[in-house]
Amino acid sequence: MTALKVTPLALSSIVLAAHFYRSGNPYLAAIALIAPLLLVTRRAWAVAAVQVALFAAAAEWVRTALSIAAMRKAVGAPSARMLFILAAVALFTVLSALPLTRINAR
């Protein structure tokens, strides 16, 4: 059952790491991949830290969406589909923090 709770976290971390790596930040990509390993400690602070990281990741997706939308607007390109996709990624990232509260309750 824990695997079902951690799978969204793993997907969010992998997608965020790919985003950082593509944008030229290999160190942030490594941190995005390593951060979920804090849950191995099974400490309340580790769960809270991972949840905060997920909320920060969602904020990064929103920032990226707004940045790309501004660039696309400047050249007259449509951006609605891109905004929808990145909003869905941000929402998935936030929702992947919810199952972790049950891990914290143990």
PDB file of N, CA and C in Angstrom:
ATOM      1  N   MET A   1       0.821  -1.199   0.000  1.00  0.00           N
ATOM      2  CA  MET A   1       0.000   0.000   0.000  1.00  0.00           C
ATOM      3  C   MET A   1       0.862   1.259   0.000  1.00  0.00           C
ATOM      4  N   THR A   2       2.005   1.211   0.649  1.00  0.00           N
ATOM      5  CA  THR A   2       2.889   2.374   0.687  1.00  0.00           C
ATOM      6  C   THR A   2       3.378   2.715  -0.718  1.00  0.00           C
ATOM      7  N   ALA A   3       3.547   1.710  -1.561  1.00  0.00           N
ATOM      8  CA  ALA A   3       3.993   1.970  -2.933  1.00  0.00           C
ATOM      9  C   ALA A   3       2.980   2.834  -3.674  1.00  0.00           C
ATOM     10  N   LEU A   4       1.691   2.615  -3.432  1.00  0.00           N
ATOM     11  CA  LEU A   4       0.665   3.448  -4.064  1.00  0.00           C
ATOM     12  C   LEU A   4       0.720   4.890  -3.568  1.00  0.00           C
ATOM     13  N   LYS A   5       1.137   5.068  -2.326  1.00  0.00           N
ATOM     14  CA  LYS A   5       1.230   6.417  -1.767  1.00  0.00           C
ATOM     15  C   LYS A   5       2.464   7.150  -2.274  1.00  0.00           C
ATOM     16  N   VAL A   6       3.511   6.408  -2.565  1.00  0.00           N
ATOM     17  CA  VAL A   6       4.777   7.031  -2.946  1.00  0.00           C
ATOM     18  C   VAL A   6       4.916   7.182  -4.463  1.00  0.00           C
ATOM     19  N   THR A   7       4.147   6.444  -5.239  1.00  0.00           N
ATOM     20  CA  THR A   7       4.260   6.510  -6.698  1.00  0.00           C
ATOM     21  C   THR A   7       4.016   7.916  -7.258  1.00  0.00           C
ATOM     22  N   PRO A   8       2.969   8.639  -6.828  1.00  0.00           N
ATOM     23  CA  PRO A   8       2.811  10.013  -7.337  1.00  0.00           C
ATOM     24  C   PRO A   8       3.997  10.904  -6.976  1.00  0.00           C
ATOM     25  N   LEU A   9       4.549  10.700  -5.793  1.00  0.00           N
ATOM     26  CA  LEU A   9       5.727  11.462  -5.380  1.00  0.00           C
ATOM     27  C   LEU A   9       6.902  11.169  -6.308  1.00  0.00           C
ATOM     28  N   ALA A  10       7.098   9.906  -6.627  1.00  0.00           N
ATOM     29  CA  ALA A  10       8.194   9.529  -7.515  1.00  0.00           C
ATOM     30  C   ALA A  10       8.009  10.144  -8.899  1.00  0.00           C
ATOM     31  N   LEU A  11       6.800  10.087  -9.423  1.00  0.00           N
ATOM     32  CA  LEU A  11       6.533  10.680 -10.740  1.00  0.00           C
ATOM     33  C   LEU A  11       6.764  12.190 -10.722  1.00  0.00           C
ATOM     34  N   SER A  12       6.301  12.849  -9.685  1.00  0.00           N
ATOM     35  CA  SER A  12       6.507  14.294  -9.567  1.00  0.00           C
ATOM     36  C   SER A  12       7.991  14.637  -9.497  1.00  0.00           C
ATOM     37  N   SER A  13       8.735  13.841  -8.762  1.00  0.00           N
ATOM     38  CA  SER A  13      10.170  14.087  -8.623  1.00  0.00           C
ATOM     39  C   SER A  13      10.906  13.880  -9.937  1.00  0.00           C
ATOM     40  N   ILE A  14      10.547  12.841 -10.664  1.00  0.00           N
ATOM     41  CA  ILE A  14      11.208  12.559 -11.940  1.00  0.00           C
ATOM     42  C   ILE A  14      10.919  13.658 -12.963  1.00  0.00           C
ATOM     43  N   VAL A  15       9.664  14.081 -13.031  1.00  0.00           N
ATOM     44  CA  VAL A  15       9.303  15.136 -13.987  1.00  0.00           C
ATOM     45  C   VAL A  15       9.983  16.444 -13.609  1.00  0.00           C
ATOM     46  N   LEU A  16      10.041  16.766 -12.322  1.00  0.00           N
ATOM     47  CA  LEU A  16      10.712  17.990 -11.880  1.00  0.00           C
ATOM     48  C   LEU A  16      12.211  17.915 -12.162  1.00  0.00           C
ATOM     49  N   ALA A  17      12.809  16.759 -11.922  1.00  0.00           N
ATOM     50  CA  ALA A  17      14.238  16.599 -12.207  1.00  0.00           C
ATOM     51  C   ALA A  17      14.512  16.784 -13.698  1.00  0.00           C
ATOM     52  N   ALA A  18      13.645  16.237 -14.547  1.00  0.00           N
ATOM     53  CA  ALA A  18      13.813  16.413 -15.996  1.00  0.00           C
ATOM     54  C   ALA A  18      13.698  17.890 -16.376  1.00  0.00           C
ATOM     55  N   HIS A  19      12.764  18.593 -15.744  1.00  0.00           N
ATOM     56  CA  HIS A  19      12.595  20.025 -16.000  1.00  0.00           C
ATOM     57  C   HIS A  19      13.867  20.791 -15.637  1.00  0.00           C
ATOM     58  N   PHE A  20      14.398  20.536 -14.444  1.00  0.00           N
ATOM     59  CA  PHE A  20      15.609  21.232 -14.010  1.00  0.00           C
ATOM     60  C   PHE A  20      16.810  20.857 -14.875  1.00  0.00           C
ATOM     61  N   TYR A  21      16.923  19.589 -15.229  1.00  0.00           N
ATOM     62  CA  TYR A  21      18.053  19.152 -16.039  1.00  0.00           C
ATOM     63  C   TYR A  21      18.003  19.805 -17.424  1.00  0.00           C
ATOM     64  N   ARG A  22      16.817  19.861 -18.002  1.00  0.00           N
ATOM     65  CA  ARG A  22      16.656  20.474 -19.322  1.00  0.00           C
ATOM     66  C   ARG A  22      16.960  21.967 -19.286  1.00  0.00           C
ATOM     67  N   SER A  23      16.658  22.600 -18.154  1.00  0.00           N
ATOM     68  CA  SER A  23      16.916  24.036 -18.052  1.00  0.00           C
ATOM     69  C   SER A  23      18.354  24.340 -17.622  1.00  0.00           C
ATOM     70  N   GLY A  24      19.185  23.302 -17.505  1.00  0.00           N
ATOM     71  CA  GLY A  24      20.601  23.520 -17.210  1.00  0.00           C
ATOM     72  C   GLY A  24      20.958  23.555 -15.739  1.00  0.00           C
ATOM     73  N   ASN A  25      20.136  22.976 -14.889  1.00  0.00           N
ATOM     74  CA  ASN A  25      20.404  22.932 -13.448  1.00  0.00           C
ATOM     75  C   ASN A  25      20.558  21.484 -12.970  1.00  0.00           C
ATOM     76  N   PRO A  26      21.697  20.856 -13.246  1.00  0.00           N
ATOM     77  CA  PRO A  26      21.842  19.451 -12.842  1.00  0.00           C
ATOM     78  C   PRO A  26      21.834  19.257 -11.328  1.00  0.00           C
ATOM     79  N   TYR A  27      22.252  20.268 -10.573  1.00  0.00           N
ATOM     80  CA  TYR A  27      22.251  20.134  -9.119  1.00  0.00           C
ATOM     81  C   TYR A  27      20.825  20.117  -8.568  1.00  0.00           C
ATOM     82  N   LEU A  28      19.974  20.994  -9.095  1.00  0.00           N
ATOM     83  CA  LEU A  28      18.575  20.977  -8.673  1.00  0.00           C
ATOM     84  C   LEU A  28      17.888  19.697  -9.135  1.00  0.00           C
ATOM     85  N   ALA A  29      18.287  19.176 -10.287  1.00  0.00           N
ATOM     86  CA  ALA A  29      17.738  17.907 -10.767  1.00  0.00           C
ATOM     87  C   ALA A  29      18.107  16.786  -9.794  1.00  0.00           C
ATOM     88  N   ALA A  30      19.340  16.779  -9.332  1.00  0.00           N
ATOM     89  CA  ALA A  30      19.774  15.756  -8.375  1.00  0.00           C
ATOM     90  C   ALA A  30      19.023  15.894  -7.055  1.00  0.00           C
ATOM     91  N   ILE A  31      18.827  17.114  -6.599  1.00  0.00           N
ATOM     92  CA  ILE A  31      18.085  17.335  -5.351  1.00  0.00           C
ATOM     93  C   ILE A  31      16.651  16.859  -5.505  1.00  0.00           C
ATOM     94  N   ALA A  32      16.055  17.121  -6.664  1.00  0.00           N
ATOM     95  CA  ALA A  32      14.673  16.679  -6.899  1.00  0.00           C
ATOM     96  C   ALA A  32      14.562  15.159  -6.855  1.00  0.00           C
ATOM     97  N   LEU A  33      15.588  14.474  -7.304  1.00  0.00           N
ATOM     98  CA  LEU A  33      15.571  13.009  -7.279  1.00  0.00           C
ATOM     99  C   LEU A  33      15.897  12.433  -5.901  1.00  0.00           C
ATOM    100  N   ILE A  34      16.720  13.131  -5.156  1.00  0.00           N
ATOM    101  CA  ILE A  34      17.160  12.626  -3.846  1.00  0.00           C
ATOM    102  C   ILE A  34      16.179  12.968  -2.723  1.00  0.00           C
ATOM    103  N   ALA A  35      15.473  14.082  -2.828  1.00  0.00           N
ATOM    104  CA  ALA A  35      14.584  14.547  -1.760  1.00  0.00           C
ATOM    105  C   ALA A  35      13.583  13.491  -1.278  1.00  0.00           C
ATOM    106  N   PRO A  36      12.940  12.734  -2.164  1.00  0.00           N
ATOM    107  CA  PRO A  36      11.988  11.729  -1.671  1.00  0.00           C
ATOM    108  C   PRO A  36      12.632  10.638  -0.805  1.00  0.00           C
ATOM    109  N   LEU A  37      13.930  10.482  -0.912  1.00  0.00           N
ATOM    110  CA  LEU A  37      14.605   9.475  -0.088  1.00  0.00           C
ATOM    111  C   LEU A  37      14.612   9.850   1.391  1.00  0.00           C
ATOM    112  N   LEU A  38      14.271  11.094   1.706  1.00  0.00           N
ATOM    113  CA  LEU A  38      14.130  11.491   3.109  1.00  0.00           C
ATOM    114  C   LEU A  38      13.059  10.672   3.817  1.00  0.00           C
ATOM    115  N   LEU A  39      12.091  10.185   3.063  1.00  0.00           N
ATOM    116  CA  LEU A  39      10.995   9.418   3.669  1.00  0.00           C
ATOM    117  C   LEU A  39      11.459   8.084   4.239  1.00  0.00           C
ATOM    118  N   VAL A  40      12.629   7.653   3.840  1.00  0.00           N
ATOM    119  CA  VAL A  40      13.172   6.398   4.372  1.00  0.00           C
ATOM    120  C   VAL A  40      13.401   6.518   5.878  1.00  0.00           C
ATOM    121  N   THR A  41      13.666   7.727   6.365  1.00  0.00           N
ATOM    122  CA  THR A  41      13.912   7.925   7.791  1.00  0.00           C
ATOM    123  C   THR A  41      12.658   7.744   8.638  1.00  0.00           C
ATOM    124  N   ARG A  42      11.465   7.861   7.996  1.00  0.00           N
ATOM    125  CA  ARG A  42      10.176   7.724   8.685  1.00  0.00           C
ATOM    126  C   ARG A  42      10.026   8.695   9.862  1.00  0.00           C
ATOM    127  N   ARG A  43      10.540   9.883   9.685  1.00  0.00           N
ATOM    128  CA  ARG A  43      10.415  10.940  10.693  1.00  0.00           C
ATOM    129  C   ARG A  43       9.370  11.954  10.233  1.00  0.00           C
ATOM    130  N   ALA A  44       8.712  12.576  11.177  1.00  0.00           N
ATOM    131  CA  ALA A  44       7.679  13.564  10.846  1.00  0.00           C
ATOM    132  C   ALA A  44       8.285  14.756  10.114  1.00  0.00           C
ATOM    133  N   TRP A  45       9.483  15.178  10.508  1.00  0.00           N
ATOM    134  CA  TRP A  45      10.102  16.322   9.846  1.00  0.00           C
ATOM    135  C   TRP A  45      10.444  16.012   8.397  1.00  0.00           C
ATOM    136  N   ALA A  46      10.782  14.757   8.103  1.00  0.00           N
ATOM    137  CA  ALA A  46      11.117  14.377   6.734  1.00  0.00           C
ATOM    138  C   ALA A  46       9.879  14.446   5.841  1.00  0.00           C
ATOM    139  N   VAL A  47       8.753  13.985   6.351  1.00  0.00           N
ATOM    140  CA  VAL A  47       7.503  14.059   5.582  1.00  0.00           C
ATOM    141  C   VAL A  47       7.134  15.517   5.346  1.00  0.00           C
ATOM    142  N   ALA A  48       7.262  16.332   6.377  1.00  0.00           N
ATOM    143  CA  ALA A  48       6.954  17.758   6.231  1.00  0.00           C
ATOM    144  C   ALA A  48       7.897  18.419   5.224  1.00  0.00           C
ATOM    145  N   ALA A  49       9.169  18.067   5.260  1.00  0.00           N
ATOM    146  CA  ALA A  49      10.136  18.651   4.328  1.00  0.00           C
ATOM    147  C   ALA A  49       9.817  18.259   2.883  1.00  0.00           C
ATOM    148  N   VAL A  50       9.441  17.010   2.672  1.00  0.00           N
ATOM    149  CA  VAL A  50       9.096  16.560   1.320  1.00  0.00           C
ATOM    150  C   VAL A  50       7.819  17.254   0.856  1.00  0.00           C
ATOM    151  N   GLN A  51       6.860  17.431   1.744  1.00  0.00           N
ATOM    152  CA  GLN A  51       5.628  18.128   1.367  1.00  0.00           C
ATOM    153  C   GLN A  51       5.905  19.585   0.998  1.00  0.00           C
ATOM    154  N   VAL A  52       6.749  20.241   1.760  1.00  0.00           N
ATOM    155  CA  VAL A  52       7.116  21.627   1.444  1.00  0.00           C
ATOM    156  C   VAL A  52       7.822  21.671   0.092  1.00  0.00           C
ATOM    157  N   ALA A  53       8.685  20.699  -0.163  1.00  0.00           N
ATOM    158  CA  ALA A  53       9.385  20.642  -1.453  1.00  0.00           C
ATOM    159  C   ALA A  53       8.396  20.449  -2.599  1.00  0.00           C
ATOM    160  N   LEU A  54       7.360  19.653  -2.378  1.00  0.00           N
ATOM    161  CA  LEU A  54       6.356  19.449  -3.422  1.00  0.00           C
ATOM    162  C   LEU A  54       5.568  20.730  -3.695  1.00  0.00           C
ATOM    163  N   PHE A  55       5.247  21.473  -2.658  1.00  0.00           N
ATOM    164  CA  PHE A  55       4.551  22.746  -2.852  1.00  0.00           C
ATOM    165  C   PHE A  55       5.460  23.747  -3.569  1.00  0.00           C
ATOM    166  N   ALA A  56       6.752  23.740  -3.244  1.00  0.00           N
ATOM    167  CA  ALA A  56       7.699  24.602  -3.949  1.00  0.00           C
ATOM    168  C   ALA A  56       7.818  24.175  -5.415  1.00  0.00           C
ATOM    169  N   ALA A  57       7.772  22.881  -5.659  1.00  0.00           N
ATOM    170  CA  ALA A  57       7.830  22.379  -7.032  1.00  0.00           C
ATOM    171  C   ALA A  57       6.609  22.834  -7.819  1.00  0.00           C
ATOM    172  N   ALA A  58       5.446  22.795  -7.197  1.00  0.00           N
ATOM    173  CA  ALA A  58       4.228  23.275  -7.867  1.00  0.00           C
ATOM    174  C   ALA A  58       4.352  24.764  -8.184  1.00  0.00           C
ATOM    175  N   ALA A  59       4.932  25.516  -7.273  1.00  0.00           N
ATOM    176  CA  ALA A  59       5.150  26.945  -7.528  1.00  0.00           C
ATOM    177  C   ALA A  59       6.115  27.140  -8.701  1.00  0.00           C
ATOM    178  N   GLU A  60       7.109  26.270  -8.813  1.00  0.00           N
ATOM    179  CA  GLU A  60       8.029  26.330  -9.950  1.00  0.00           C
ATOM    180  C   GLU A  60       7.302  26.064 -11.263  1.00  0.00           C
ATOM    181  N   TRP A  61       6.360  25.126 -11.247  1.00  0.00           N
ATOM    182  CA  TRP A  61       5.588  24.848 -12.469  1.00  0.00           C
ATOM    183  C   TRP A  61       4.737  26.052 -12.847  1.00  0.00           C
ATOM    184  N   VAL A  62       4.152  26.714 -11.872  1.00  0.00           N
ATOM    185  CA  VAL A  62       3.340  27.910 -12.154  1.00  0.00           C
ATOM    186  C   VAL A  62       4.238  29.028 -12.691  1.00  0.00           C
ATOM    187  N   ARG A  63       5.399  29.199 -12.078  1.00  0.00           N
ATOM    188  CA  ARG A  63       6.342  30.221 -12.541  1.00  0.00           C
ATOM    189  C   ARG A  63       6.777  29.938 -13.973  1.00  0.00           C
ATOM    190  N   THR A  64       7.063  28.691 -14.253  1.00  0.00           N
ATOM    191  CA  THR A  64       7.473  28.303 -15.609  1.00  0.00           C
ATOM    192  C   THR A  64       6.349  28.557 -16.603  1.00  0.00           C
ATOM    193  N   ALA A  65       5.134  28.215 -16.231  1.00  0.00           N
ATOM    194  CA  ALA A  65       3.988  28.429 -17.122  1.00  0.00           C
ATOM    195  C   ALA A  65       3.817  29.906 -17.438  1.00  0.00           C
ATOM    196  N   LEU A  66       3.913  30.749 -16.428  1.00  0.00           N
ATOM    197  CA  LEU A  66       3.758  32.183 -16.655  1.00  0.00           C
ATOM    198  C   LEU A  66       4.890  32.746 -17.502  1.00  0.00           C
ATOM    199  N   SER A  67       6.086  32.242 -17.288  1.00  0.00           N
ATOM    200  CA  SER A  67       7.240  32.688 -18.066  1.00  0.00           C
ATOM    201  C   SER A  67       7.092  32.298 -19.535  1.00  0.00           C
ATOM    202  N   ILE A  68       6.716  31.057 -19.782  1.00  0.00           N
ATOM    203  CA  ILE A  68       6.539  30.601 -21.161  1.00  0.00           C
ATOM    204  C   ILE A  68       5.368  31.340 -21.818  1.00  0.00           C
ATOM    205  N   ALA A  69       4.301  31.563 -21.064  1.00  0.00           N
ATOM    206  CA  ALA A  69       3.143  32.289 -21.615  1.00  0.00           C
ATOM    207  C   ALA A  69       3.538  33.703 -22.031  1.00  0.00           C
ATOM    208  N   ALA A  70       4.370  34.351 -21.228  1.00  0.00           N
ATOM    209  CA  ALA A  70       4.814  35.708 -21.567  1.00  0.00           C
ATOM    210  C   ALA A  70       5.659  35.693 -22.839  1.00  0.00           C
ATOM    211  N   MET A  71       6.531  34.701 -22.965  1.00  0.00           N
ATOM    212  CA  MET A  71       7.351  34.597 -24.177  1.00  0.00           C
ATOM    213  C   MET A  71       6.483  34.328 -25.401  1.00  0.00           C
ATOM    214  N   ARG A  72       5.518  33.446 -25.240  1.00  0.00           N
ATOM    215  CA  ARG A  72       4.642  33.109 -26.365  1.00  0.00           C
ATOM    216  C   ARG A  72       3.761  34.304 -26.753  1.00  0.00           C
ATOM    217  N   LYS A  73       3.327  35.050 -25.757  1.00  0.00           N
ATOM    218  CA  LYS A  73       2.512  36.242 -26.044  1.00  0.00           C
ATOM    219  C   LYS A  73       3.322  37.278 -26.815  1.00  0.00           C
ATOM    220  N   ALA A  74       4.600  37.390 -26.468  1.00  0.00           N
ATOM    221  CA  ALA A  74       5.466  38.367 -27.128  1.00  0.00           C
ATOM    222  C   ALA A  74       5.632  38.083 -28.616  1.00  0.00           C
ATOM    223  N   VAL A  75       5.571  36.813 -28.990  1.00  0.00           N
ATOM    224  CA  VAL A  75       5.723  36.465 -30.402  1.00  0.00           C
ATOM    225  C   VAL A  75       4.379  36.178 -31.067  1.00  0.00           C
ATOM    226  N   GLY A  76       3.299  36.333 -30.323  1.00  0.00           N
ATOM    227  CA  GLY A  76       1.966  36.137 -30.873  1.00  0.00           C
ATOM    228  C   GLY A  76       1.538  34.693 -31.004  1.00  0.00           C
ATOM    229  N   ALA A  77       2.172  33.803 -30.275  1.00  0.00           N
ATOM    230  CA  ALA A  77       1.826  32.376 -30.330  1.00  0.00           C
ATOM    231  C   ALA A  77       0.768  32.060 -29.274  1.00  0.00           C
ATOM    232  N   PRO A  78      -0.083  31.077 -29.527  1.00  0.00           N
ATOM    233  CA  PRO A  78      -1.090  30.708 -28.519  1.00  0.00           C
ATOM    234  C   PRO A  78      -0.425  30.007 -27.326  1.00  0.00           C
ATOM    235  N   SER A  79      -1.041  30.153 -26.163  1.00  0.00           N
ATOM    236  CA  SER A  79      -0.446  29.547 -24.967  1.00  0.00           C
ATOM    237  C   SER A  79      -1.452  28.812 -24.100  1.00  0.00           C
ATOM    238  N   ALA A  80      -2.704  28.751 -24.494  1.00  0.00           N
ATOM    239  CA  ALA A  80      -3.736  28.148 -23.645  1.00  0.00           C
ATOM    240  C   ALA A  80      -3.452  26.672 -23.374  1.00  0.00           C
ATOM    241  N   ARG A  81      -3.069  25.919 -24.384  1.00  0.00           N
ATOM    242  CA  ARG A  81      -2.817  24.490 -24.193  1.00  0.00           C
ATOM    243  C   ARG A  81      -1.636  24.266 -23.246  1.00  0.00           C
ATOM    244  N   MET A  82      -0.566  25.052 -23.440  1.00  0.00           N
ATOM    245  CA  MET A  82       0.598  24.942 -22.567  1.00  0.00           C
ATOM    246  C   MET A  82       0.231  25.288 -21.131  1.00  0.00           C
ATOM    247  N   LEU A  83      -0.578  26.338 -20.939  1.00  0.00           N
ATOM    248  CA  LEU A  83      -1.000  26.709 -19.593  1.00  0.00           C
ATOM    249  C   LEU A  83      -1.832  25.603 -18.950  1.00  0.00           C
ATOM    250  N   PHE A  84      -2.699  24.977 -19.724  1.00  0.00           N
ATOM    251  CA  PHE A  84      -3.508  23.878 -19.208  1.00  0.00           C
ATOM    252  C   PHE A  84      -2.629  22.707 -18.789  1.00  0.00           C
ATOM    253  N   ILE A  85      -1.669  22.351 -19.605  1.00  0.00           N
ATOM    254  CA  ILE A  85      -0.791  21.212 -19.301  1.00  0.00           C
ATOM    255  C   ILE A  85       0.037  21.488 -18.059  1.00  0.00           C
ATOM    256  N   LEU A  86       0.659  22.649 -17.980  1.00  0.00           N
ATOM    257  CA  LEU A  86       1.502  22.946 -16.817  1.00  0.00           C
ATOM    258  C   LEU A  86       0.675  23.158 -15.549  1.00  0.00           C
ATOM    259  N   ALA A  87      -0.544  23.642 -15.678  1.00  0.00           N
ATOM    260  CA  ALA A  87      -1.431  23.725 -14.512  1.00  0.00           C
ATOM    261  C   ALA A  87      -1.782  22.330 -14.015  1.00  0.00           C
ATOM    262  N   ALA A  88      -1.999  21.395 -14.935  1.00  0.00           N
ATOM    263  CA  ALA A  88      -2.274  20.010 -14.545  1.00  0.00           C
ATOM    264  C   ALA A  88      -1.065  19.384 -13.864  1.00  0.00           C
ATOM    265  N   VAL A  89       0.127  19.687 -14.349  1.00  0.00           N
ATOM    266  CA  VAL A  89       1.353  19.168 -13.719  1.00  0.00           C
ATOM    267  C   VAL A  89       1.499  19.753 -12.321  1.00  0.00           C
ATOM    268  N   ALA A  90       1.235  21.046 -12.168  1.00  0.00           N
ATOM    269  CA  ALA A  90       1.321  21.684 -10.845  1.00  0.00           C
ATOM    270  C   ALA A  90       0.295  21.083  -9.886  1.00  0.00           C
ATOM    271  N   LEU A  91      -0.918  20.854 -10.372  1.00  0.00           N
ATOM    272  CA  LEU A  91      -1.956  20.255  -9.532  1.00  0.00           C
ATOM    273  C   LEU A  91      -1.578  18.829  -9.125  1.00  0.00           C
ATOM    274  N   PHE A  92      -1.073  18.046 -10.068  1.00  0.00           N
ATOM    275  CA  PHE A  92      -0.632  16.690  -9.749  1.00  0.00           C
ATOM    276  C   PHE A  92       0.479  16.712  -8.701  1.00  0.00           C
ATOM    277  N   THR A  93       1.391  17.673  -8.822  1.00  0.00           N
ATOM    278  CA  THR A  93       2.490  17.793  -7.865  1.00  0.00           C
ATOM    279  C   THR A  93       1.966  18.100  -6.467  1.00  0.00           C
ATOM    280  N   VAL A  94       1.000  19.010  -6.375  1.00  0.00           N
ATOM    281  CA  VAL A  94       0.411  19.334  -5.062  1.00  0.00           C
ATOM    282  C   VAL A  94      -0.344  18.129  -4.506  1.00  0.00           C
ATOM    283  N   LEU A  95      -1.112  17.474  -5.365  1.00  0.00           N
ATOM    284  CA  LEU A  95      -1.889  16.316  -4.904  1.00  0.00           C
ATOM    285  C   LEU A  95      -1.007  15.138  -4.504  1.00  0.00           C
ATOM    286  N   SER A  96       0.198  15.075  -5.026  1.00  0.00           N
ATOM    287  CA  SER A  96       1.087  13.981  -4.642  1.00  0.00           C
ATOM    288  C   SER A  96       1.594  14.135  -3.206  1.00  0.00           C
ATOM    289  N   ALA A  97       1.387  15.303  -2.606  1.00  0.00           N
ATOM    290  CA  ALA A  97       1.760  15.503  -1.206  1.00  0.00           C
ATOM    291  C   ALA A  97       0.701  14.965  -0.252  1.00  0.00           C
ATOM    292  N   LEU A  98      -0.536  14.820  -0.718  1.00  0.00           N
ATOM    293  CA  LEU A  98      -1.622  14.402   0.173  1.00  0.00           C
ATOM    294  C   LEU A  98      -1.462  12.993   0.748  1.00  0.00           C
ATOM    295  N   PRO A  99      -1.085  11.979  -0.039  1.00  0.00           N
ATOM    296  CA  PRO A  99      -0.929  10.646   0.562  1.00  0.00           C
ATOM    297  C   PRO A  99       0.174  10.590   1.610  1.00  0.00           C
ATOM    298  N   LEU A 100       1.088  11.539   1.583  1.00  0.00           N
ATOM    299  CA  LEU A 100       2.183  11.528   2.546  1.00  0.00           C
ATOM    300  C   LEU A 100       1.705  11.843   3.951  1.00  0.00           C
ATOM    301  N   THR A 101       0.555  12.498   4.100  1.00  0.00           N
ATOM    302  CA  THR A 101       0.048  12.793   5.436  1.00  0.00           C
ATOM    303  C   THR A 101      -0.305  11.501   6.166  1.00  0.00           C
ATOM    304  N   ARG A 102      -0.716  10.483   5.433  1.00  0.00           N
ATOM    305  CA  ARG A 102      -1.018   9.199   6.057  1.00  0.00           C
ATOM    306  C   ARG A 102       0.261   8.486   6.491  1.00  0.00           C
ATOM    307  N   ILE A 103       1.333   8.687   5.761  1.00  0.00           N
ATOM    308  CA  ILE A 103       2.627   8.126   6.177  1.00  0.00           C
ATOM    309  C   ILE A 103       3.059   8.779   7.473  1.00  0.00           C
ATOM    310  N   ASN A 104       2.808  10.106   7.574  1.00  0.00           N
ATOM    311  CA  ASN A 104       3.175  10.865   8.759  1.00  0.00           C
ATOM    312  C   ASN A 104       2.382  10.406   9.982  1.00  0.00           C
ATOM    313  N   ALA A 105       1.165   9.909   9.785  1.00  0.00           N
ATOM    314  CA  ALA A 105       0.304   9.538  10.900  1.00  0.00           C
ATOM    315  C   ALA A 105       0.775   8.274  11.628  1.00  0.00           C
ATOM    316  N   ARG A 106       1.670   7.521  11.012  1.00  0.00           N
ATOM    317  CA  ARG A 106       2.146   6.288  11.662  1.00  0.00           C
ATOM    318  C   ARG A 106       3.023   6.532  12.826  1.00  0.00           C
TER     319      ARG A 106
END
